[in-house]
Structure formats: C-alpha cells, structure tokens
Amino acid sequence: MSHPSHAALPDAALDQLFRTARTHNELTGEVSDETLHQLYELAKWGPTSANMSPLRLVFVKSAEAKARLAPALDEGNYAKTLAAPVTAIVGFDMAFYEKLPYLFPHTDARSWFDGRPAHDLEVIALRNGSLQGAYVLMAARALGLDCGPMSGFKNALVDEAFFAGTQVKSNFLINLGHGDPAKLFARSPRLSFDEAAQIL
C-alpha cells in the first residue's frame, strides 16, 4: 500500500519560519482578531501526548488587559510589551485530563491522570503546553507576524490577573506584531549539528 508523500517546503517558507526569522523587541502595526483566530486554528493541529492539548491562550490586546498585565512585567520587558499590538499569554491547564473524553475518545485516557500528584500533572501539562506554545510561535510566523517570545515576568501575578479560579498556569509570553529588520542586531550563532546532535 502506497503512502502519500509530502514535498519539502520551498526555501522562502523555510526562511520565513526558521532561517531568517528573528526575535523582535520592537513590534508595531495591527493584528486583527481574525488573524488571532487563524493563528490558533493552525497551532491546534500540532501533536501532544494523547492529544491532551493543555494549551490555554490569552491574547492581551485591549488597554484594559494591558493594564492588568503591566504589574507582572520585569523592567526590561515592560515598555516593549505594552507597545506591542498583542501579547499572547501562553498557559497550560493542570486539569487538561477533564477534556480527554472528548479529545481522546477511543479509550479512558482520563483515568490515566485523574488522582495523580500535582507535580506529575504539572510536568506533563508544562511539557505539552510548551510544545503547543512553540506551535503558536510558528503559526504566527507562517501568517506573516513577527514574534518576541520571552520570560521575564512574574508568573504568580499573571496567574492571579488572568487565570484566577482555574487550574491554568502561565508559561511564557509572546509579543506579536510587525518588526523592523533594521532595528535588529546581528544574529547570534547556533550550535553545529555535531555539537548538538548525533546519529546512532
């Protein structure tokens, strides 16, 4: 039985997603609500363990929402984050297993996690939520947005301001918008294949 093959993406797409894509500190322009919906609709298809999909997103866009986020930002991230058109709070739901009867219906996957220690659940949710956060970043780039992913904020304050009354915890932030390549410094190096990988 033959399987359909996929051609490699053209160089222009690989450049946009990886090779020439950069982290921007200054982001301007407009990001429509429609674009944010498109972004999620792409990112949601990335794989997670048992399709658990613990990612929870808050797109901070309004002045009121930015005012709620501001007290949690470290000094170095304050001005650029408030100036960005949108900041995505990338969170993960510790109660992800409650949705497994819908997301993974062919077996009782909920029972694999219900009653597990909180530390175990956090490790699992953080791992898979981080995967999904990376999908969000790549989906944003695929849609023509520039990104500024970062830590440098007080998670407890973000959780209190945006996730109170839930089991969602913040992971990292991504500023979204349009950057000016002229304002970028020279790209930092990366490790070579032999330094970071091996084939056995």
C-alpha atoms as a PDB file:
ATOM      1  CA  MET A   1       0.000   0.000   0.000  1.00  0.00           C
ATOM      2  CA  SER A   2       1.447   3.331  -1.036  1.00  0.00           C
ATOM      3  CA  HIS A   3       1.505   6.360   1.222  1.00  0.00           C
ATOM      4  CA  PRO A   4       1.202   9.939   0.005  1.00  0.00           C
ATOM      5  CA  SER A   5       4.471  11.826   0.097  1.00  0.00           C
ATOM      6  CA  HIS A   6       4.945  15.452   1.036  1.00  0.00           C
ATOM      7  CA  ALA A   7       7.288  17.728  -0.829  1.00  0.00           C
ATOM      8  CA  ALA A   8       9.660  19.869   1.200  1.00  0.00           C
ATOM      9  CA  LEU A   9       8.512  23.439   1.663  1.00  0.00           C
ATOM     10  CA  PRO A  10      10.142  25.972  -0.659  1.00  0.00           C
ATOM     11  CA  ASP A  11      13.152  27.877   0.615  1.00  0.00           C
ATOM     12  CA  ALA A  12      11.115  31.060   1.037  1.00  0.00           C
ATOM     13  CA  ALA A  13       8.802  29.297   3.501  1.00  0.00           C
ATOM     14  CA  LEU A  14      11.703  27.718   5.389  1.00  0.00           C
ATOM     15  CA  ASP A  15      13.357  31.124   5.627  1.00  0.00           C
ATOM     16  CA  GLN A  16      10.167  32.733   6.975  1.00  0.00           C
ATOM     17  CA  LEU A  17       9.665  30.030   9.572  1.00  0.00           C
ATOM     18  CA  PHE A  18      13.262  29.364  10.599  1.00  0.00           C
ATOM     19  CA  ARG A  19      16.368  30.589   8.805  1.00  0.00           C
ATOM     20  CA  THR A  20      15.752  34.318   8.568  1.00  0.00           C
ATOM     21  CA  ALA A  21      13.030  34.635  11.218  1.00  0.00           C
ATOM     22  CA  ARG A  22      14.166  36.690  14.193  1.00  0.00           C
ATOM     23  CA  THR A  23      13.033  37.589  17.698  1.00  0.00           C
ATOM     24  CA  HIS A  24      11.895  41.219  17.643  1.00  0.00           C
ATOM     25  CA  ASN A  25      11.981  43.575  20.614  1.00  0.00           C
ATOM     26  CA  GLU A  26      10.005  46.349  18.929  1.00  0.00           C
ATOM     27  CA  LEU A  27       6.684  45.371  17.380  1.00  0.00           C
ATOM     28  CA  THR A  28       4.145  47.708  15.854  1.00  0.00           C
ATOM     29  CA  GLY A  29       1.214  47.613  13.429  1.00  0.00           C
ATOM     30  CA  GLU A  30      -2.151  45.955  13.736  1.00  0.00           C
ATOM     31  CA  VAL A  31      -3.057  42.337  14.463  1.00  0.00           C
ATOM     32  CA  SER A  32      -6.707  41.631  13.755  1.00  0.00           C
ATOM     33  CA  ASP A  33      -8.907  39.346  15.822  1.00  0.00           C
ATOM     34  CA  GLU A  34      -9.382  37.292  12.641  1.00  0.00           C
ATOM     35  CA  THR A  35      -5.621  36.741  12.432  1.00  0.00           C
ATOM     36  CA  LEU A  36      -5.542  35.572  16.055  1.00  0.00           C
ATOM     37  CA  HIS A  37      -8.312  33.088  15.292  1.00  0.00           C
ATOM     38  CA  GLN A  38      -6.372  31.860  12.244  1.00  0.00           C
ATOM     39  CA  LEU A  39      -3.254  31.527  14.378  1.00  0.00           C
ATOM     40  CA  TYR A  40      -4.983  29.271  16.883  1.00  0.00           C
ATOM     41  CA  GLU A  41      -6.692  27.247  14.148  1.00  0.00           C
ATOM     42  CA  LEU A  42      -3.237  26.401  12.768  1.00  0.00           C
ATOM     43  CA  ALA A  43      -1.450  25.844  16.064  1.00  0.00           C
ATOM     44  CA  LYS A  44      -4.076  23.476  17.470  1.00  0.00           C
ATOM     45  CA  TRP A  45      -3.140  20.763  14.960  1.00  0.00           C
ATOM     46  CA  GLY A  46       0.346  20.206  16.400  1.00  0.00           C
ATOM     47  CA  PRO A  47       0.719  16.899  18.252  1.00  0.00           C
ATOM     48  CA  THR A  48       0.546  16.431  22.022  1.00  0.00           C
ATOM     49  CA  SER A  49       0.600  13.321  24.209  1.00  0.00           C
ATOM     50  CA  ALA A  50      -2.771  11.559  23.920  1.00  0.00           C
ATOM     51  CA  ASN A  51      -3.999  14.713  22.160  1.00  0.00           C
ATOM     52  CA  MET A  52      -4.290  16.268  25.620  1.00  0.00           C
ATOM     53  CA  SER A  53      -3.956  19.845  24.307  1.00  0.00           C
ATOM     54  CA  PRO A  54      -3.279  21.632  27.618  1.00  0.00           C
ATOM     55  CA  LEU A  55      -2.522  24.970  25.908  1.00  0.00           C
ATOM     56  CA  ARG A  56      -4.623  27.885  27.101  1.00  0.00           C
ATOM     57  CA  LEU A  57      -4.081  31.277  25.478  1.00  0.00           C
ATOM     58  CA  VAL A  58      -4.958  34.812  26.434  1.00  0.00           C
ATOM     59  CA  PHE A  59      -4.350  37.393  23.716  1.00  0.00           C
ATOM     60  CA  VAL A  60      -3.738  40.654  25.583  1.00  0.00           C
ATOM     61  CA  LYS A  61      -4.806  43.372  23.173  1.00  0.00           C
ATOM     62  CA  SER A  62      -7.020  45.984  24.843  1.00  0.00           C
ATOM     63  CA  ALA A  63      -5.742  48.834  27.009  1.00  0.00           C
ATOM     64  CA  GLU A  64      -7.611  47.343  29.977  1.00  0.00           C
ATOM     65  CA  ALA A  65      -5.951  43.936  29.535  1.00  0.00           C
ATOM     66  CA  LYS A  66      -2.512  45.518  29.118  1.00  0.00           C
ATOM     67  CA  ALA A  67      -3.038  47.411  32.370  1.00  0.00           C
ATOM     68  CA  ARG A  68      -3.704  44.085  34.097  1.00  0.00           C
ATOM     69  CA  LEU A  69      -0.541  42.552  32.608  1.00  0.00           C
ATOM     70  CA  ALA A  70       1.751  45.505  33.272  1.00  0.00           C
ATOM     71  CA  PRO A  71       2.423  44.921  37.020  1.00  0.00           C
ATOM     72  CA  ALA A  72       3.742  41.427  36.270  1.00  0.00           C
ATOM     73  CA  LEU A  73       6.362  42.530  33.731  1.00  0.00           C
ATOM     74  CA  ASP A  74      10.038  42.791  34.574  1.00  0.00           C
ATOM     75  CA  GLU A  75      11.547  46.212  33.887  1.00  0.00           C
ATOM     76  CA  GLY A  76      13.352  45.095  30.727  1.00  0.00           C
ATOM     77  CA  ASN A  77      10.149  43.774  29.174  1.00  0.00           C
ATOM     78  CA  TYR A  78       7.762  46.491  30.322  1.00  0.00           C
ATOM     79  CA  ALA A  79       7.870  49.113  27.562  1.00  0.00           C
ATOM     80  CA  LYS A  80       8.183  46.743  24.609  1.00  0.00           C
ATOM     81  CA  THR A  81       5.327  44.563  25.810  1.00  0.00           C
ATOM     82  CA  LEU A  82       2.929  47.431  26.397  1.00  0.00           C
ATOM     83  CA  ALA A  83       3.839  48.830  22.958  1.00  0.00           C
ATOM     84  CA  ALA A  84       3.284  45.540  21.113  1.00  0.00           C
ATOM     85  CA  PRO A  85      -0.050  45.196  19.290  1.00  0.00           C
ATOM     86  CA  VAL A  86      -0.765  41.885  21.063  1.00  0.00           C
ATOM     87  CA  THR A  87       0.861  39.813  23.779  1.00  0.00           C
ATOM     88  CA  ALA A  88      -0.043  36.134  23.933  1.00  0.00           C
ATOM     89  CA  ILE A  89      -0.004  34.639  27.413  1.00  0.00           C
ATOM     90  CA  VAL A  90       0.891  31.001  26.798  1.00  0.00           C
ATOM     91  CA  GLY A  91      -0.550  28.944  29.623  1.00  0.00           C
ATOM     92  CA  PHE A  92      -1.180  25.297  30.411  1.00  0.00           C
ATOM     93  CA  ASP A  93      -4.175  23.719  32.127  1.00  0.00           C
ATOM     94  CA  MET A  94      -3.370  21.383  35.016  1.00  0.00           C
ATOM     95  CA  ALA A  95      -6.882  19.940  34.612  1.00  0.00           C
ATOM     96  CA  PHE A  96      -6.249  19.022  30.963  1.00  0.00           C
ATOM     97  CA  TYR A  97      -7.407  15.458  31.603  1.00  0.00           C
ATOM     98  CA  GLU A  98     -11.003  16.613  32.116  1.00  0.00           C
ATOM     99  CA  LYS A  99     -11.275  17.145  28.356  1.00  0.00           C
ATOM    100  CA  LEU A 100      -9.760  13.799  27.357  1.00  0.00           C
ATOM    101  CA  PRO A 101     -13.133  12.032  26.933  1.00  0.00           C
ATOM    102  CA  TYR A 102     -13.693  14.469  24.043  1.00  0.00           C
ATOM    103  CA  LEU A 103     -10.111  14.813  22.794  1.00  0.00           C
ATOM    104  CA  PHE A 104      -9.085  11.130  23.064  1.00  0.00           C
ATOM    105  CA  PRO A 105     -12.415   9.259  22.977  1.00  0.00           C
ATOM    106  CA  HIS A 106     -11.300   5.787  21.918  1.00  0.00           C
ATOM    107  CA  THR A 107     -10.093   4.857  25.412  1.00  0.00           C
ATOM    108  CA  ASP A 108     -10.487   6.020  29.009  1.00  0.00           C
ATOM    109  CA  ALA A 109      -7.456   8.318  28.962  1.00  0.00           C
ATOM    110  CA  ARG A 110      -8.866  10.493  31.725  1.00  0.00           C
ATOM    111  CA  SER A 111      -8.240   7.709  34.236  1.00  0.00           C
ATOM    112  CA  TRP A 112      -4.513   7.780  33.387  1.00  0.00           C
ATOM    113  CA  PHE A 113      -4.211  11.183  35.019  1.00  0.00           C
ATOM    114  CA  ASP A 114      -7.082  11.647  37.468  1.00  0.00           C
ATOM    115  CA  GLY A 115      -5.726  11.430  41.008  1.00  0.00           C
ATOM    116  CA  ARG A 116      -2.068  11.755  40.008  1.00  0.00           C
ATOM    117  CA  PRO A 117       0.088  14.026  42.217  1.00  0.00           C
ATOM    118  CA  ALA A 118       0.021  17.685  41.246  1.00  0.00           C
ATOM    119  CA  HIS A 119       3.749  17.637  40.457  1.00  0.00           C
ATOM    120  CA  ASP A 120       3.272  14.846  37.913  1.00  0.00           C
ATOM    121  CA  LEU A 121       0.383  16.665  36.271  1.00  0.00           C
ATOM    122  CA  GLU A 122       2.375  19.898  36.090  1.00  0.00           C
ATOM    123  CA  VAL A 123       5.331  18.188  34.405  1.00  0.00           C
ATOM    124  CA  ILE A 124       3.017  16.626  31.810  1.00  0.00           C
ATOM    125  CA  ALA A 125       0.985  19.780  31.216  1.00  0.00           C
ATOM    126  CA  LEU A 126       4.062  22.016  31.058  1.00  0.00           C
ATOM    127  CA  ARG A 127       5.818  19.738  28.573  1.00  0.00           C
ATOM    128  CA  ASN A 128       2.870  19.512  26.218  1.00  0.00           C
ATOM    129  CA  GLY A 129       1.834  23.132  26.733  1.00  0.00           C
ATOM    130  CA  SER A 130       5.371  24.226  25.835  1.00  0.00           C
ATOM    131  CA  LEU A 131       5.158  22.176  22.652  1.00  0.00           C
ATOM    132  CA  GLN A 132       1.929  23.941  21.798  1.00  0.00           C
ATOM    133  CA  GLY A 133       3.434  27.310  22.642  1.00  0.00           C
ATOM    134  CA  ALA A 134       6.110  26.641  20.027  1.00  0.00           C
ATOM    135  CA  TYR A 135       3.362  25.781  17.538  1.00  0.00           C
ATOM    136  CA  VAL A 136       1.759  29.145  18.313  1.00  0.00           C
ATOM    137  CA  LEU A 137       5.015  30.918  17.516  1.00  0.00           C
ATOM    138  CA  MET A 138       5.482  29.040  14.238  1.00  0.00           C
ATOM    139  CA  ALA A 139       1.850  29.591  13.237  1.00  0.00           C
ATOM    140  CA  ALA A 140       2.303  33.307  13.869  1.00  0.00           C
ATOM    141  CA  ARG A 141       5.369  33.374  11.623  1.00  0.00           C
ATOM    142  CA  ALA A 142       3.512  31.383   8.968  1.00  0.00           C
ATOM    143  CA  LEU A 143       0.808  34.065   8.965  1.00  0.00           C
ATOM    144  CA  GLY A 144       3.350  36.831   8.449  1.00  0.00           C
ATOM    145  CA  LEU A 145       3.650  38.045  12.027  1.00  0.00           C
ATOM    146  CA  ASP A 146       6.884  38.733  13.860  1.00  0.00           C
ATOM    147  CA  CYS A 147       7.295  37.402  17.386  1.00  0.00           C
ATOM    148  CA  GLY A 148       9.032  38.312  20.603  1.00  0.00           C
ATOM    149  CA  PRO A 149       8.844  35.267  22.905  1.00  0.00           C
ATOM    150  CA  MET A 150      10.040  35.868  26.452  1.00  0.00           C
ATOM    151  CA  SER A 151      10.052  35.038  30.093  1.00  0.00           C
ATOM    152  CA  GLY A 152      10.941  37.934  32.381  1.00  0.00           C
ATOM    153  CA  PHE A 153       7.642  38.313  34.208  1.00  0.00           C
ATOM    154  CA  LYS A 154       6.104  37.253  37.495  1.00  0.00           C
ATOM    155  CA  ASN A 155       4.048  34.143  36.804  1.00  0.00           C
ATOM    156  CA  ALA A 156       2.093  34.376  40.046  1.00  0.00           C
ATOM    157  CA  LEU A 157       0.855  37.873  39.195  1.00  0.00           C
ATOM    158  CA  VAL A 158      -0.151  36.819  35.675  1.00  0.00           C
ATOM    159  CA  ASP A 159      -1.977  33.796  37.043  1.00  0.00           C
ATOM    160  CA  GLU A 160      -3.820  35.924  39.562  1.00  0.00           C
ATOM    161  CA  ALA A 161      -4.786  38.542  36.983  1.00  0.00           C
ATOM    162  CA  PHE A 162      -5.829  36.226  34.147  1.00  0.00           C
ATOM    163  CA  PHE A 163      -6.362  32.676  35.440  1.00  0.00           C
ATOM    164  CA  ALA A 164      -7.878  33.117  38.906  1.00  0.00           C
ATOM    165  CA  GLY A 165     -10.351  30.382  39.789  1.00  0.00           C
ATOM    166  CA  THR A 166      -8.887  27.942  37.249  1.00  0.00           C
ATOM    167  CA  GLN A 167      -6.084  25.394  37.194  1.00  0.00           C
ATOM    168  CA  VAL A 168      -4.326  27.229  34.364  1.00  0.00           C
ATOM    169  CA  LYS A 169      -0.763  28.441  34.928  1.00  0.00           C
ATOM    170  CA  SER A 170       1.245  30.828  32.787  1.00  0.00           C
ATOM    171  CA  ASN A 171       4.312  29.527  30.980  1.00  0.00           C
ATOM    172  CA  PHE A 172       5.738  32.289  28.776  1.00  0.00           C
ATOM    173  CA  LEU A 173       4.723  35.346  26.752  1.00  0.00           C
ATOM    174  CA  ILE A 174       4.896  36.082  23.027  1.00  0.00           C
ATOM    175  CA  ASN A 175       4.648  39.637  21.766  1.00  0.00           C
ATOM    176  CA  LEU A 176       3.057  39.695  18.306  1.00  0.00           C
ATOM    177  CA  GLY A 177       3.104  42.317  15.587  1.00  0.00           C
ATOM    178  CA  HIS A 178       5.368  43.574  12.824  1.00  0.00           C
ATOM    179  CA  GLY A 179       9.044  44.254  13.422  1.00  0.00           C
ATOM    180  CA  ASP A 180      11.581  46.449  11.676  1.00  0.00           C
ATOM    181  CA  PRO A 181      14.554  44.364  10.457  1.00  0.00           C
ATOM    182  CA  ALA A 182      16.713  47.495  10.516  1.00  0.00           C
ATOM    183  CA  LYS A 183      16.443  47.571  14.315  1.00  0.00           C
ATOM    184  CA  LEU A 184      17.790  44.049  14.796  1.00  0.00           C
ATOM    185  CA  PHE A 185      21.323  43.376  15.948  1.00  0.00           C
ATOM    186  CA  ALA A 186      23.444  40.717  14.256  1.00  0.00           C
ATOM    187  CA  ARG A 187      22.055  37.236  14.595  1.00  0.00           C
ATOM    188  CA  SER A 188      23.541  35.133  17.371  1.00  0.00           C
ATOM    189  CA  PRO A 189      25.186  31.848  16.391  1.00  0.00           C
ATOM    190  CA  ARG A 190      23.701  28.403  16.839  1.00  0.00           C
ATOM    191  CA  LEU A 191      25.363  25.121  17.719  1.00  0.00           C
ATOM    192  CA  SER A 192      26.516  22.938  14.848  1.00  0.00           C
ATOM    193  CA  PHE A 193      24.960  19.545  14.176  1.00  0.00           C
ATOM    194  CA  ASP A 194      27.975  17.762  15.699  1.00  0.00           C
ATOM    195  CA  GLU A 195      27.754  19.856  18.863  1.00  0.00           C
ATOM    196  CA  ALA A 196      24.043  19.278  19.432  1.00  0.00           C
ATOM    197  CA  ALA A 197      23.074  16.041  17.694  1.00  0.00           C
ATOM    198  CA  GLN A 198      24.209  12.577  16.808  1.00  0.00           C
ATOM    199  CA  ILE A 199      23.035   9.790  14.557  1.00  0.00           C
ATOM    200  CA  LEU A 200      23.335   6.319  16.085  1.00  0.00           C
END
